Amino acid sequence: MHDLLIRGGTVVDGAGAPARTADVAIADGHVVAIGRDLGPARATLDADGALVTPGFVDVHSHYDGQASWDEEMLPSSIHGATTVAMGSCGVGFAPCRVVDRERLIALMEGVEDIPGTALAEGLTWGWETFPEYMDVLDRRRHTIDLAFHVPHDAVRVFAMGERALAGEVATDAEMARMGELVREAIVAGAIGFSTGRTDNHRGKDGRPTPGADASAAELQAIARALTGLDRGVLQAVSDFDMFVSPDRFDPEFDLLEDMAKVAGRPLSISLLQRVGATEQWRRILTRVERANAAGTPIRAQVATRGIGVILGLEATFHPFIGFPSYKAVAHLPLAARVAELKKPEVRARILAEKSDKVAGDGSAVPPLVDKLLEAFDMVAMSLFRLEATPDYEPDRQASLFGEAMRAGKKSLEVTYDALLEDDGHQLLYFPIYNYASGTLREVGEMLRHPHAILGLGDGGAHVGTICDVSFGTFLLSHWARDKGVFTIEQAIHKLSGEAAAWLGLGDRGVLAPGRRADVNVIDLPALALRRPELLHDLPAGGKRFLQRADGYRATLVRGEVIAQDGVVTGARPGRVARSGA
């Protein structure tokens, strides 16, 4: 007698095999058989007309704080993810001494746009070391499984204290201590080590992140601590010194590649089409190809669409946040603020002003924001209304710049009026990266590269500016179903089997007897994204964007239905996924 029989669906196994109609039998949280006439079960789930796939594995998230207070793990749990890897980009909350808690909160608030008040109220703590952190979260109930990178910034602060935040060079003893901490965590089940080296990531006080300028000696000291281990991946995000000098591209890539060589472990690097260096991604892929040919496994983490921000009067950003007359009313509740902004004299005054600097010393806002505000017509060329059914490949003619040209108005004027629509609830979509050509052509090229893996969804982060957990849903609906760039088998493999294998989680990612019963039942023709909505459901009333989707009939973790028709159930089978377990 099976526990559950998923009956009559089209099985796409996550390993790339051709889809086939079959039943899936589940017992004790595992797949026990796939085929026909599998015998009786205590319960059945009708999958007629739907895909039956492995649960998705998200290799890049930031739920490090949220996981300590939130059981539901939205929005990942309603987008087919059954395992999420956090601790990305070098930021996280373990290891952490009691005296450093506020430092790490301020760092996460600045880097990942998570309200510090929500973190301060919501984080339950109860750990200092990384193994203790995993143990604490393993005892808590969650819908889905959690996996952890060891974040460089937290390790650096643990080893160096305030000196880590002051940008000082680590001593030999401190570097050795960092290596010990990382090895201890991976031996205990962490999936790898992450570091962040980008000027776009800054603490709440505007200072660079602790590991942003870490020396080659420091990275290699950490890498040496991983030698001899048969598990653990490396993850890095870097500007490749585009803000310093293009001549430093190769030395920066060499530094990261050498880290992977010393550790003897695979490395993934974030890949996107950057503003001001729109062809840099091709140089990165060339170096990735060269490294793999020489025997150093490196993958490029890519998104499935433009990477940008959602702008609105309730969101973290919009183009007027630095205008003096807007700042004078910014404290007002939305309705009162909109009433003020609609007054002709207020509108005229703001539109006649120039923005104060919003980045710089004491601000977590990256310098890129000020540069974009200085060239607002260029921004408006990629600024679009976010409709009820979002269009993530909009035509330039639909931009606010195009609207302004047709109406004989200034771009800033049209943007001002657009933000006041729907009583101030209107949202604008601004794809900063991956949209230089006004199409997703370059994204398609990145996705098809043989050394690319899906990533950069940033679940749990930038909660007032993005909602990119839906990258996986977009891959299936846009690139596979609508465009045919990938077969369904290829798309599911990238979302599940390939990602699980990369992280070294060999018990999941593929539907096969003996594997974990992490399963999605998906109505592919109905699969669609809804417009993001802004909720005030974080601790201390913090706000975040949440994007829902139609088409996910059911998601199972360890054989239990954790979400059905886009709504989480009461099941909480999620635990900590440990490498080597």
Protein backbone atom coordinates (compact mmCIF):
# COMPACT_ATOMS: atom_id res chain seq x y z
CA MET A 1 0.00 0.00 0.00
CA HIS A 2 1.59 3.28 -1.17
CA ASP A 3 1.09 6.48 0.77
CA LEU A 4 0.21 8.46 -2.36
CA LEU A 5 -0.32 7.82 -6.05
CA ILE A 6 0.00 10.73 -8.48
CA ARG A 7 -2.14 9.45 -11.32
CA GLY A 8 -2.24 10.09 -15.05
CA GLY A 9 0.26 12.92 -15.47
CA THR A 10 3.03 13.52 -17.99
CA VAL A 11 6.22 12.67 -16.13
CA VAL A 12 9.23 14.85 -16.89
CA ASP A 13 11.93 13.27 -14.77
CA GLY A 14 14.44 16.13 -14.40
CA ALA A 15 17.26 14.05 -15.88
CA GLY A 16 16.38 14.98 -19.45
CA ALA A 17 14.58 11.78 -20.48
CA PRO A 18 11.61 12.13 -22.87
CA ALA A 19 8.32 12.96 -21.17
CA ARG A 20 5.93 10.04 -20.75
CA THR A 21 2.50 9.38 -19.32
CA ALA A 22 2.83 7.46 -16.07
CA ASP A 23 1.75 7.25 -12.45
CA VAL A 24 4.13 8.05 -9.60
CA ALA A 25 3.93 6.04 -6.38
CA ILE A 26 5.23 7.53 -3.14
CA ALA A 27 5.91 5.93 0.23
CA ASP A 28 7.86 7.13 3.28
CA GLY A 29 8.69 10.40 1.55
CA HIS A 30 10.35 8.77 -1.46
CA VAL A 31 9.40 7.79 -4.98
CA VAL A 32 9.03 4.03 -5.03
CA ALA A 33 7.77 3.37 -8.56
CA ILE A 34 6.93 5.12 -11.83
CA GLY A 35 4.75 3.41 -14.41
CA ARG A 36 1.31 1.89 -14.76
CA ASP A 37 -0.75 -0.42 -12.53
CA LEU A 38 1.32 0.42 -9.45
CA GLY A 39 -1.15 -0.94 -6.96
CA PRO A 40 -3.31 0.67 -4.27
CA ALA A 41 -2.55 3.82 -2.31
CA ARG A 42 -4.00 5.50 0.74
CA ALA A 43 -4.51 8.69 -1.27
CA THR A 44 -4.42 9.75 -4.91
CA LEU A 45 -3.66 13.01 -6.66
CA ASP A 46 -5.16 13.52 -10.13
CA ALA A 47 -2.53 14.84 -12.56
CA ASP A 48 -4.47 14.32 -15.80
CA GLY A 49 -3.41 16.94 -18.35
CA ALA A 50 -0.56 18.18 -16.15
CA LEU A 51 3.20 17.79 -15.95
CA VAL A 52 4.63 15.81 -13.05
CA THR A 53 8.15 17.05 -12.38
CA PRO A 54 10.75 17.06 -9.63
CA GLY A 55 10.60 19.97 -7.20
CA PHE A 56 12.81 22.86 -8.26
CA VAL A 57 16.15 23.58 -6.58
CA ASP A 58 17.01 27.27 -6.27
CA VAL A 59 20.78 27.77 -6.01
CA HIS A 60 20.69 31.49 -5.08
CA SER A 61 18.50 32.94 -2.35
CA HIS A 62 18.70 35.17 0.74
CA TYR A 63 16.21 33.71 3.20
CA ASP A 64 18.89 33.68 5.93
CA GLY A 65 16.83 35.86 8.25
CA GLN A 66 13.33 35.00 7.07
CA ALA A 67 13.88 31.28 7.63
CA SER A 68 14.23 31.87 11.36
CA TRP A 69 10.70 33.27 11.73
CA ASP A 70 8.75 32.19 8.64
CA GLU A 71 7.38 28.68 8.13
CA GLU A 72 5.77 29.26 4.74
CA MET A 73 8.86 30.42 2.83
CA LEU A 74 6.91 32.55 0.39
CA PRO A 75 7.22 33.25 -2.44
CA SER A 76 9.53 30.31 -3.34
CA SER A 77 7.11 27.67 -2.03
CA ILE A 78 4.38 28.80 -4.46
CA HIS A 79 6.74 28.84 -7.47
CA GLY A 80 7.66 25.17 -7.40
CA ALA A 81 10.84 25.41 -5.31
CA THR A 82 11.28 22.56 -2.83
CA THR A 83 14.90 23.35 -1.87
CA VAL A 84 16.46 26.81 -1.62
CA ALA A 85 20.15 27.58 -1.11
CA MET A 86 20.82 30.73 0.91
CA GLY A 87 23.90 32.50 2.25
CA SER A 88 24.52 33.86 -1.24
CA CYS A 89 26.73 36.83 -2.19
CA GLY A 90 28.78 36.55 1.00
CA VAL A 91 26.08 37.83 3.40
CA GLY A 92 24.24 35.98 6.15
CA PHE A 93 23.77 35.58 9.90
CA ALA A 94 26.18 32.83 10.86
CA PRO A 95 28.65 32.46 12.34
CA CYS A 96 27.80 35.35 14.64
CA ARG A 97 28.72 36.37 18.17
CA VAL A 98 26.08 38.14 20.23
CA VAL A 99 28.04 41.42 20.02
CA ASP A 100 27.99 41.29 16.21
CA ARG A 101 24.26 40.76 15.68
CA GLU A 102 23.46 44.40 14.98
CA ARG A 103 26.43 44.64 12.61
CA LEU A 104 25.19 41.76 10.49
CA ILE A 105 21.63 43.11 10.52
CA ALA A 106 22.85 46.50 9.26
CA LEU A 107 24.90 44.74 6.60
CA MET A 108 21.96 42.65 5.37
CA GLU A 109 19.65 45.67 5.44
CA GLY A 110 22.00 47.62 3.20
CA VAL A 111 23.07 44.86 0.82
CA GLU A 112 19.79 43.03 0.36
CA ASP A 113 17.13 45.70 1.07
CA ILE A 114 15.51 43.82 3.95
CA PRO A 115 14.05 46.17 6.58
CA GLY A 116 16.35 46.27 9.59
CA THR A 117 13.34 46.59 11.91
CA ALA A 118 11.92 43.36 10.48
CA LEU A 119 15.25 41.57 10.98
CA ALA A 120 15.71 42.95 14.50
CA GLU A 121 12.22 41.84 15.55
CA GLY A 122 11.99 38.64 13.53
CA LEU A 123 15.40 37.02 13.96
CA THR A 124 15.18 34.48 16.76
CA TRP A 125 18.94 33.78 17.01
CA GLY A 126 20.02 31.00 19.36
CA TRP A 127 23.34 30.27 17.64
CA GLU A 128 26.90 31.48 17.34
CA THR A 129 28.66 28.89 15.17
CA PHE A 130 27.50 27.84 11.72
CA PRO A 131 26.73 24.24 12.74
CA GLU A 132 24.58 25.65 15.57
CA TYR A 133 22.76 27.86 13.05
CA MET A 134 21.88 24.85 10.88
CA ASP A 135 20.79 22.85 13.92
CA VAL A 136 18.50 25.65 15.13
CA LEU A 137 16.77 25.95 11.76
CA ASP A 138 16.58 22.18 11.40
CA ARG A 139 14.42 22.08 14.53
CA ARG A 140 11.99 24.64 13.09
CA ARG A 141 9.07 23.81 10.80
CA HIS A 142 9.19 24.91 7.15
CA THR A 143 7.33 24.12 3.97
CA ILE A 144 10.52 23.45 1.98
CA ASP A 145 14.13 22.37 2.52
CA LEU A 146 16.88 24.86 3.31
CA ALA A 147 20.51 24.63 2.23
CA PHE A 148 23.30 27.00 3.27
CA HIS A 149 26.40 28.61 1.84
CA VAL A 150 28.83 29.92 4.45
CA PRO A 151 28.93 33.71 3.87
CA HIS A 152 32.31 35.41 3.69
CA ASP A 153 31.18 38.63 5.40
CA ALA A 154 29.87 36.88 8.51
CA VAL A 155 32.99 34.71 8.71
CA ARG A 156 35.21 37.79 8.38
CA VAL A 157 33.36 39.65 11.15
CA PHE A 158 33.53 36.58 13.40
CA ALA A 159 37.29 36.32 12.88
CA MET A 160 38.17 40.04 12.90
CA GLY A 161 35.40 41.91 14.74
CA GLU A 162 35.06 45.62 13.94
CA ARG A 163 38.30 45.50 11.90
CA ALA A 164 36.42 43.50 9.24
CA LEU A 165 34.00 46.37 8.72
CA ALA A 166 36.78 48.94 8.61
CA GLY A 167 38.25 47.35 5.50
CA GLU A 168 41.50 46.30 7.17
CA VAL A 169 43.73 43.51 5.88
CA ALA A 170 43.38 40.24 7.76
CA THR A 171 46.39 38.86 9.60
CA ASP A 172 47.70 35.38 8.88
CA ALA A 173 46.06 34.12 12.08
CA GLU A 174 42.72 35.70 11.13
CA MET A 175 42.85 34.20 7.65
CA ALA A 176 43.59 30.79 9.10
CA ARG A 177 40.65 31.19 11.48
CA MET A 178 38.34 32.00 8.57
CA GLY A 179 39.41 28.83 6.84
CA GLU A 180 38.73 26.79 9.98
CA LEU A 181 35.23 28.26 10.29
CA VAL A 182 34.35 27.52 6.67
CA ARG A 183 35.67 23.96 6.80
CA GLU A 184 33.84 23.29 10.06
CA ALA A 185 30.58 24.43 8.46
CA ILE A 186 30.95 22.34 5.30
CA VAL A 187 31.89 19.24 7.29
CA ALA A 188 28.67 19.84 9.26
CA GLY A 189 26.62 19.97 6.04
CA ALA A 190 26.87 23.46 4.55
CA ILE A 191 26.81 23.28 0.76
CA GLY A 192 29.65 25.72 0.12
CA PHE A 193 31.21 29.15 0.58
CA SER A 194 30.09 32.46 -0.94
CA THR A 195 31.79 35.83 -1.35
CA GLY A 196 30.68 39.20 -2.69
CA ARG A 197 32.95 41.61 -4.56
CA THR A 198 30.65 44.27 -5.99
CA ASP A 199 30.34 48.01 -5.48
CA ASN A 200 26.54 47.65 -5.72
CA HIS A 201 26.53 45.89 -2.33
CA ARG A 202 26.99 48.23 0.63
CA GLY A 203 26.11 48.15 4.28
CA LYS A 204 23.41 50.38 5.76
CA ASP A 205 26.04 53.01 6.52
CA GLY A 206 27.26 53.06 2.91
CA ARG A 207 30.53 51.26 3.58
CA PRO A 208 31.64 48.42 1.28
CA THR A 209 30.88 44.92 2.50
CA PRO A 210 33.62 43.31 4.64
CA GLY A 211 34.75 40.86 1.97
CA ALA A 212 34.42 43.19 -1.03
CA ASP A 213 38.13 43.89 -1.29
CA ALA A 214 39.50 40.80 0.41
CA SER A 215 42.97 39.95 -0.82
CA ALA A 216 43.96 36.98 -2.92
CA ALA A 217 45.83 35.69 0.13
CA GLU A 218 42.63 35.72 2.21
CA LEU A 219 40.55 33.94 -0.42
CA GLN A 220 43.26 31.35 -0.93
CA ALA A 221 43.60 30.77 2.81
CA ILE A 222 39.89 29.95 2.93
CA ALA A 223 40.21 27.83 -0.20
CA ARG A 224 43.09 25.82 1.25
CA ALA A 225 40.89 24.85 4.17
CA LEU A 226 38.58 23.04 1.70
CA THR A 227 41.26 20.92 0.08
CA GLY A 228 40.58 17.23 0.45
CA LEU A 229 36.83 17.65 0.96
CA ASP A 230 34.61 15.77 -1.48
CA ARG A 231 31.81 18.32 -1.31
CA GLY A 232 31.19 22.04 -1.18
CA VAL A 233 30.82 24.61 -3.97
CA LEU A 234 32.15 28.16 -4.22
CA GLN A 235 29.99 31.12 -5.22
CA ALA A 236 31.04 34.67 -6.12
CA VAL A 237 29.52 37.89 -7.38
CA SER A 238 31.92 40.48 -8.78
CA ASP A 239 31.92 43.66 -10.87
CA PHE A 240 35.28 42.50 -12.25
CA ASP A 241 36.46 46.00 -11.31
CA MET A 242 34.38 47.68 -14.02
CA PHE A 243 34.07 50.71 -11.70
CA VAL A 244 37.86 50.92 -11.32
CA SER A 245 39.43 50.04 -14.64
CA PRO A 246 38.64 47.64 -17.48
CA ASP A 247 42.31 46.61 -17.36
CA ARG A 248 41.63 44.89 -14.04
CA PHE A 249 39.13 42.43 -15.50
CA ASP A 250 41.60 39.59 -16.03
CA PRO A 251 43.37 39.99 -12.66
CA GLU A 252 40.00 39.88 -10.88
CA PHE A 253 38.93 36.78 -12.79
CA ASP A 254 42.33 35.21 -12.09
CA LEU A 255 41.79 35.81 -8.36
CA LEU A 256 38.47 33.93 -8.36
CA GLU A 257 39.71 31.17 -10.64
CA ASP A 258 42.78 30.66 -8.43
CA MET A 259 40.48 30.34 -5.41
CA ALA A 260 38.67 27.49 -7.16
CA LYS A 261 41.95 25.84 -8.19
CA VAL A 262 43.35 25.96 -4.65
CA ALA A 263 40.15 24.60 -3.13
CA GLY A 264 39.73 21.95 -5.79
CA ARG A 265 35.98 22.69 -5.75
CA PRO A 266 33.57 24.04 -8.42
CA LEU A 267 32.83 27.77 -8.63
CA SER A 268 29.81 29.70 -9.91
CA ILE A 269 29.96 33.37 -10.88
CA SER A 270 26.99 35.72 -11.30
CA LEU A 271 26.53 36.73 -14.93
CA LEU A 272 24.50 39.65 -16.26
CA GLN A 273 24.62 42.35 -18.91
CA ARG A 274 25.84 45.39 -16.99
CA VAL A 275 25.05 49.06 -17.53
CA GLY A 276 28.13 50.76 -18.94
CA ALA A 277 29.77 47.46 -19.87
CA THR A 278 27.16 45.74 -22.01
CA GLU A 279 29.59 43.26 -23.57
CA GLN A 280 31.45 42.32 -20.39
CA TRP A 281 29.32 39.19 -20.00
CA ARG A 282 30.84 37.79 -23.18
CA ARG A 283 34.34 38.27 -21.75
CA ILE A 284 33.25 36.43 -18.60
CA LEU A 285 31.91 33.51 -20.63
CA THR A 286 35.13 33.36 -22.63
CA ARG A 287 37.12 33.05 -19.40
CA VAL A 288 34.62 30.48 -18.05
CA GLU A 289 35.11 28.39 -21.19
CA ARG A 290 38.88 28.64 -20.89
CA ALA A 291 38.81 27.60 -17.22
CA ASN A 292 36.64 24.56 -17.90
CA ALA A 293 38.86 23.52 -20.80
CA ALA A 294 41.83 23.68 -18.40
CA GLY A 295 40.03 21.48 -15.85
CA THR A 296 38.63 24.06 -13.39
CA PRO A 297 34.84 23.68 -13.25
CA ILE A 298 33.23 27.13 -13.32
CA ARG A 299 29.59 27.90 -14.07
CA ALA A 300 27.85 31.18 -14.83
CA GLN A 301 24.73 31.84 -12.79
CA VAL A 302 22.18 33.49 -15.08
CA ALA A 303 18.72 34.98 -14.77
CA THR A 304 15.83 34.14 -17.09
CA ARG A 305 14.84 37.74 -17.87
CA GLY A 306 15.85 41.34 -17.22
CA ILE A 307 17.20 42.11 -13.77
CA GLY A 308 15.81 45.34 -12.47
CA VAL A 309 13.61 47.03 -9.92
CA ILE A 310 9.96 47.71 -9.30
CA LEU A 311 9.35 51.40 -8.74
CA GLY A 312 6.40 52.93 -6.93
CA LEU A 313 5.40 55.39 -4.25
CA GLU A 314 5.18 52.49 -1.79
CA ALA A 315 8.30 50.71 -3.02
CA THR A 316 11.84 51.30 -1.80
CA PHE A 317 12.76 53.34 -4.88
CA HIS A 318 11.18 55.70 -7.37
CA PRO A 319 12.74 58.54 -9.39
CA PHE A 320 11.68 61.33 -7.00
CA ILE A 321 13.06 60.04 -3.70
CA GLY A 322 15.91 62.57 -3.81
CA PHE A 323 13.86 65.63 -4.85
CA PRO A 324 13.71 68.18 -1.99
CA SER A 325 9.99 68.92 -2.31
CA TYR A 326 9.15 65.23 -2.47
CA LYS A 327 11.23 64.54 0.63
CA ALA A 328 9.13 67.16 2.42
CA VAL A 329 5.99 64.99 1.98
CA ALA A 330 7.60 61.54 1.94
CA HIS A 331 6.63 60.87 5.55
CA LEU A 332 2.91 61.17 4.84
CA PRO A 333 0.63 58.12 4.50
CA LEU A 334 0.11 57.16 0.87
CA ALA A 335 -3.34 58.73 0.42
CA ALA A 336 -2.24 62.04 1.93
CA ARG A 337 1.00 61.98 -0.04
CA VAL A 338 -0.86 61.40 -3.31
CA ALA A 339 -3.24 64.25 -2.51
CA GLU A 340 -0.27 66.58 -2.00
CA LEU A 341 1.55 65.38 -5.12
CA LYS A 342 -1.55 65.95 -7.24
CA LYS A 343 -1.65 69.65 -6.35
CA PRO A 344 -0.56 71.61 -9.44
CA GLU A 345 1.81 73.85 -7.48
CA VAL A 346 3.52 70.87 -5.79
CA ARG A 347 3.81 69.04 -9.13
CA ALA A 348 5.32 72.12 -10.81
CA ARG A 349 7.78 72.69 -7.97
CA ILE A 350 9.06 69.10 -7.95
CA LEU A 351 9.40 68.91 -11.73
CA ALA A 352 11.45 72.13 -11.68
CA GLU A 353 13.90 70.69 -9.11
CA LYS A 354 16.89 68.40 -9.42
CA SER A 355 17.49 65.36 -7.26
CA ASP A 356 19.83 65.51 -4.31
CA LYS A 357 22.41 62.74 -4.17
CA VAL A 358 20.88 59.55 -2.79
CA ALA A 359 24.06 57.44 -2.81
CA GLY A 360 27.42 58.12 -1.19
CA ASP A 361 28.70 58.18 2.38
CA GLY A 362 26.17 56.98 4.91
CA SER A 363 23.83 55.53 2.29
CA ALA A 364 23.38 51.94 1.19
CA VAL A 365 22.12 53.11 -2.21
CA PRO A 366 24.67 52.12 -4.89
CA PRO A 367 26.35 54.94 -6.89
CA LEU A 368 24.68 53.65 -10.06
CA VAL A 369 21.36 55.14 -8.89
CA ASP A 370 22.66 58.72 -8.97
CA LYS A 371 24.19 58.15 -12.38
CA LEU A 372 20.87 56.91 -13.72
CA LEU A 373 18.93 59.85 -12.28
CA GLU A 374 21.32 62.24 -14.02
CA ALA A 375 20.40 60.66 -17.38
CA PHE A 376 16.69 60.17 -16.81
CA ASP A 377 15.67 60.02 -20.49
CA MET A 378 17.85 56.94 -20.79
CA VAL A 379 16.10 55.46 -17.76
CA ALA A 380 12.66 56.26 -19.18
CA MET A 381 13.51 54.32 -22.36
CA SER A 382 13.40 51.19 -20.17
CA LEU A 383 10.62 52.26 -17.80
CA PHE A 384 7.28 50.50 -18.24
CA ARG A 385 3.98 50.22 -16.42
CA LEU A 386 3.62 46.85 -14.71
CA GLU A 387 0.23 45.60 -15.82
CA ALA A 388 -2.04 42.94 -14.28
CA THR A 389 -0.38 40.37 -16.54
CA PRO A 390 3.26 41.51 -16.54
CA ASP A 391 5.11 41.79 -19.83
CA TYR A 392 8.78 41.09 -19.17
CA GLU A 393 9.84 41.71 -22.78
CA PRO A 394 8.07 45.02 -23.48
CA ASP A 395 8.64 47.03 -26.63
CA ARG A 396 10.51 50.32 -26.30
CA GLN A 397 7.48 52.08 -27.80
CA ALA A 398 5.54 51.14 -24.67
CA SER A 399 8.11 52.84 -22.43
CA LEU A 400 7.38 56.07 -20.60
CA PHE A 401 9.98 57.72 -22.85
CA GLY A 402 7.99 56.62 -25.91
CA GLU A 403 4.81 57.93 -24.32
CA ALA A 404 6.49 61.25 -23.56
CA MET A 405 7.74 61.62 -27.14
CA ARG A 406 4.28 60.96 -28.55
CA ALA A 407 2.67 63.44 -26.15
CA GLY A 408 5.34 66.10 -26.54
CA LYS A 409 6.13 66.01 -22.83
CA LYS A 410 9.24 65.44 -20.73
CA SER A 411 9.97 61.90 -19.54
CA LEU A 412 10.08 62.99 -15.90
CA GLU A 413 6.66 64.63 -16.25
CA VAL A 414 5.07 61.47 -17.66
CA THR A 415 6.74 59.36 -14.95
CA TYR A 416 5.42 61.67 -12.22
CA ASP A 417 1.86 61.30 -13.49
CA ALA A 418 2.19 57.54 -13.93
CA LEU A 419 3.23 57.06 -10.31
CA LEU A 420 0.03 58.78 -9.18
CA GLU A 421 -2.22 56.43 -11.15
CA ASP A 422 -4.40 53.93 -9.27
CA ASP A 423 -4.39 56.24 -6.24
CA GLY A 424 -0.62 55.94 -6.03
CA HIS A 425 -0.52 52.14 -6.24
CA GLN A 426 0.79 52.04 -9.81
CA LEU A 427 4.02 50.09 -10.24
CA LEU A 428 6.71 50.68 -12.85
CA TYR A 429 9.14 48.06 -14.14
CA PHE A 430 12.73 49.09 -14.80
CA PRO A 431 15.00 46.31 -16.17
CA ILE A 432 18.43 47.76 -15.37
CA TYR A 433 20.45 44.73 -16.46
CA ASN A 434 19.99 42.23 -19.30
CA TYR A 435 17.88 44.60 -21.42
CA ALA A 436 20.32 46.86 -23.29
CA SER A 437 18.91 45.79 -26.67
CA GLY A 438 15.29 46.24 -25.61
CA THR A 439 14.78 42.50 -25.95
CA LEU A 440 15.70 39.31 -24.10
CA ARG A 441 17.92 38.15 -26.95
CA GLU A 442 21.10 38.31 -24.87
CA VAL A 443 19.40 36.52 -21.97
CA GLY A 444 18.49 33.67 -24.32
CA GLU A 445 22.12 33.45 -25.40
CA MET A 446 23.27 33.29 -21.77
CA LEU A 447 20.70 30.63 -20.89
CA ARG A 448 21.74 28.40 -23.78
CA HIS A 449 25.44 28.50 -22.91
CA PRO A 450 26.68 25.03 -21.92
CA HIS A 451 28.30 26.36 -18.73
CA ALA A 452 25.23 28.29 -17.53
CA ILE A 453 23.09 27.38 -14.54
CA LEU A 454 19.92 29.11 -13.39
CA GLY A 455 20.29 31.48 -10.46
CA LEU A 456 20.05 35.06 -9.19
CA GLY A 457 16.39 34.83 -8.11
CA ASP A 458 17.35 36.44 -4.77
CA GLY A 459 14.39 35.03 -2.83
CA GLY A 460 14.03 36.85 0.47
CA ALA A 461 16.12 39.85 -0.62
CA HIS A 462 15.46 43.28 -2.15
CA VAL A 463 11.94 42.80 -0.87
CA GLY A 464 10.87 46.38 -1.58
CA THR A 465 12.36 46.52 -5.07
CA ILE A 466 12.11 43.14 -6.84
CA CYS A 467 10.32 39.82 -6.86
CA ASP A 468 12.49 37.58 -9.04
CA VAL A 469 11.76 34.23 -7.41
CA SER A 470 9.45 33.83 -10.42
CA PHE A 471 12.48 33.33 -12.71
CA GLY A 472 11.77 29.59 -12.79
CA THR A 473 8.11 30.06 -13.67
CA PHE A 474 9.18 32.46 -16.43
CA LEU A 475 11.64 29.91 -17.83
CA LEU A 476 8.86 27.37 -18.22
CA SER A 477 6.17 29.70 -19.51
CA HIS A 478 8.22 32.04 -21.72
CA TRP A 479 11.34 30.23 -22.88
CA ALA A 480 9.96 26.68 -23.07
CA ARG A 481 6.19 26.84 -23.70
CA ASP A 482 5.87 30.14 -25.62
CA LYS A 483 9.21 30.58 -27.38
CA GLY A 484 10.32 26.96 -27.75
CA VAL A 485 13.93 27.92 -27.00
CA PHE A 486 14.06 24.97 -24.59
CA THR A 487 12.10 21.75 -24.65
CA ILE A 488 10.08 21.10 -21.52
CA GLU A 489 12.52 18.30 -20.68
CA GLN A 490 15.49 20.68 -20.95
CA ALA A 491 13.80 23.39 -18.87
CA ILE A 492 12.81 21.00 -16.07
CA HIS A 493 16.34 19.56 -16.03
CA LYS A 494 17.80 23.04 -15.53
CA LEU A 495 15.30 23.79 -12.73
CA SER A 496 15.79 20.52 -10.88
CA GLY A 497 18.33 17.85 -11.80
CA GLU A 498 21.10 20.17 -12.93
CA ALA A 499 20.74 22.49 -9.94
CA ALA A 500 20.61 19.65 -7.38
CA ALA A 501 23.69 18.03 -8.90
CA TRP A 502 25.58 21.34 -8.80
CA LEU A 503 24.95 21.72 -5.08
CA GLY A 504 25.85 18.09 -4.41
CA LEU A 505 22.35 17.13 -3.26
CA GLY A 506 22.15 13.73 -4.90
CA ASP A 507 18.94 12.62 -3.21
CA ARG A 508 16.68 15.04 -5.12
CA GLY A 509 16.19 16.81 -8.44
CA VAL A 510 15.20 13.69 -10.39
CA LEU A 511 12.02 11.60 -10.32
CA ALA A 512 13.26 8.06 -9.93
CA PRO A 513 12.71 5.21 -7.46
CA GLY A 514 14.67 5.85 -4.30
CA ARG A 515 14.85 9.63 -4.75
CA ARG A 516 13.10 12.18 -2.58
CA ALA A 517 9.41 12.67 -3.35
CA ASP A 518 9.80 16.41 -4.00
CA VAL A 519 7.30 16.88 -6.81
CA ASN A 520 5.46 19.54 -8.80
CA VAL A 521 2.18 19.01 -10.63
CA ILE A 522 1.95 21.81 -13.21
CA ASP A 523 -0.81 22.84 -15.62
CA LEU A 524 1.57 24.17 -18.27
CA PRO A 525 -1.03 25.84 -20.55
CA ALA A 526 -2.39 27.76 -17.53
CA LEU A 527 1.03 28.72 -16.14
CA ALA A 528 1.11 32.51 -15.80
CA LEU A 529 2.59 35.21 -13.58
CA ARG A 530 0.47 37.79 -11.82
CA ARG A 531 1.44 41.37 -11.09
CA PRO A 532 3.50 41.67 -7.87
CA GLU A 533 1.64 42.98 -4.85
CA LEU A 534 3.07 44.88 -1.91
CA LEU A 535 2.30 43.31 1.45
CA HIS A 536 3.02 44.56 4.97
CA ASP A 537 3.48 41.11 6.50
CA LEU A 538 7.09 41.16 7.67
CA PRO A 539 7.89 41.52 11.38
CA ALA A 540 7.44 45.07 12.68
CA GLY A 541 5.07 45.74 9.77
CA GLY A 542 7.82 45.59 7.17
CA LYS A 543 6.75 45.58 3.53
CA ARG A 544 7.70 43.25 0.71
CA PHE A 545 6.66 42.39 -2.83
CA LEU A 546 5.01 39.03 -3.39
CA GLN A 547 4.27 37.62 -6.84
CA ARG A 548 1.81 34.80 -7.32
CA ALA A 549 1.38 32.45 -10.25
CA ASP A 550 -1.40 30.39 -11.78
CA GLY A 551 -0.79 26.84 -12.95
CA TYR A 552 0.89 25.12 -10.01
CA ARG A 553 -1.69 22.50 -9.09
CA ALA A 554 0.39 21.03 -6.28
CA THR A 555 3.90 21.03 -4.83
CA LEU A 556 5.09 18.16 -2.62
CA VAL A 557 8.05 17.94 -0.26
CA ARG A 558 8.91 14.48 1.05
CA GLY A 559 5.59 13.29 -0.32
CA GLU A 560 3.49 15.87 1.54
CA VAL A 561 1.49 18.51 -0.32
CA ILE A 562 2.88 21.85 0.88
CA ALA A 563 1.09 24.07 -1.67
CA GLN A 564 -2.02 23.60 -3.76
CA ASP A 565 -3.31 25.97 -6.45
CA GLY A 566 -0.98 28.72 -5.26
CA VAL A 567 -1.85 28.48 -1.56
CA VAL A 568 0.35 26.87 1.07
CA THR A 569 -1.14 24.10 3.15
CA GLY A 570 -0.45 23.27 6.78
CA ALA A 571 2.21 20.69 5.92
CA ARG A 572 5.71 21.53 7.15
CA PRO A 573 8.06 18.70 6.11
CA GLY A 574 10.98 21.00 5.24
CA ARG A 575 14.30 20.48 6.99
CA VAL A 576 17.92 21.52 6.49
CA ALA A 577 19.43 19.87 3.41
CA ARG A 578 23.01 18.92 4.27
CA SER A 579 25.73 18.14 1.77
CA GLY A 580 27.12 14.67 2.22
CA ALA A 581 24.07 13.47 4.16
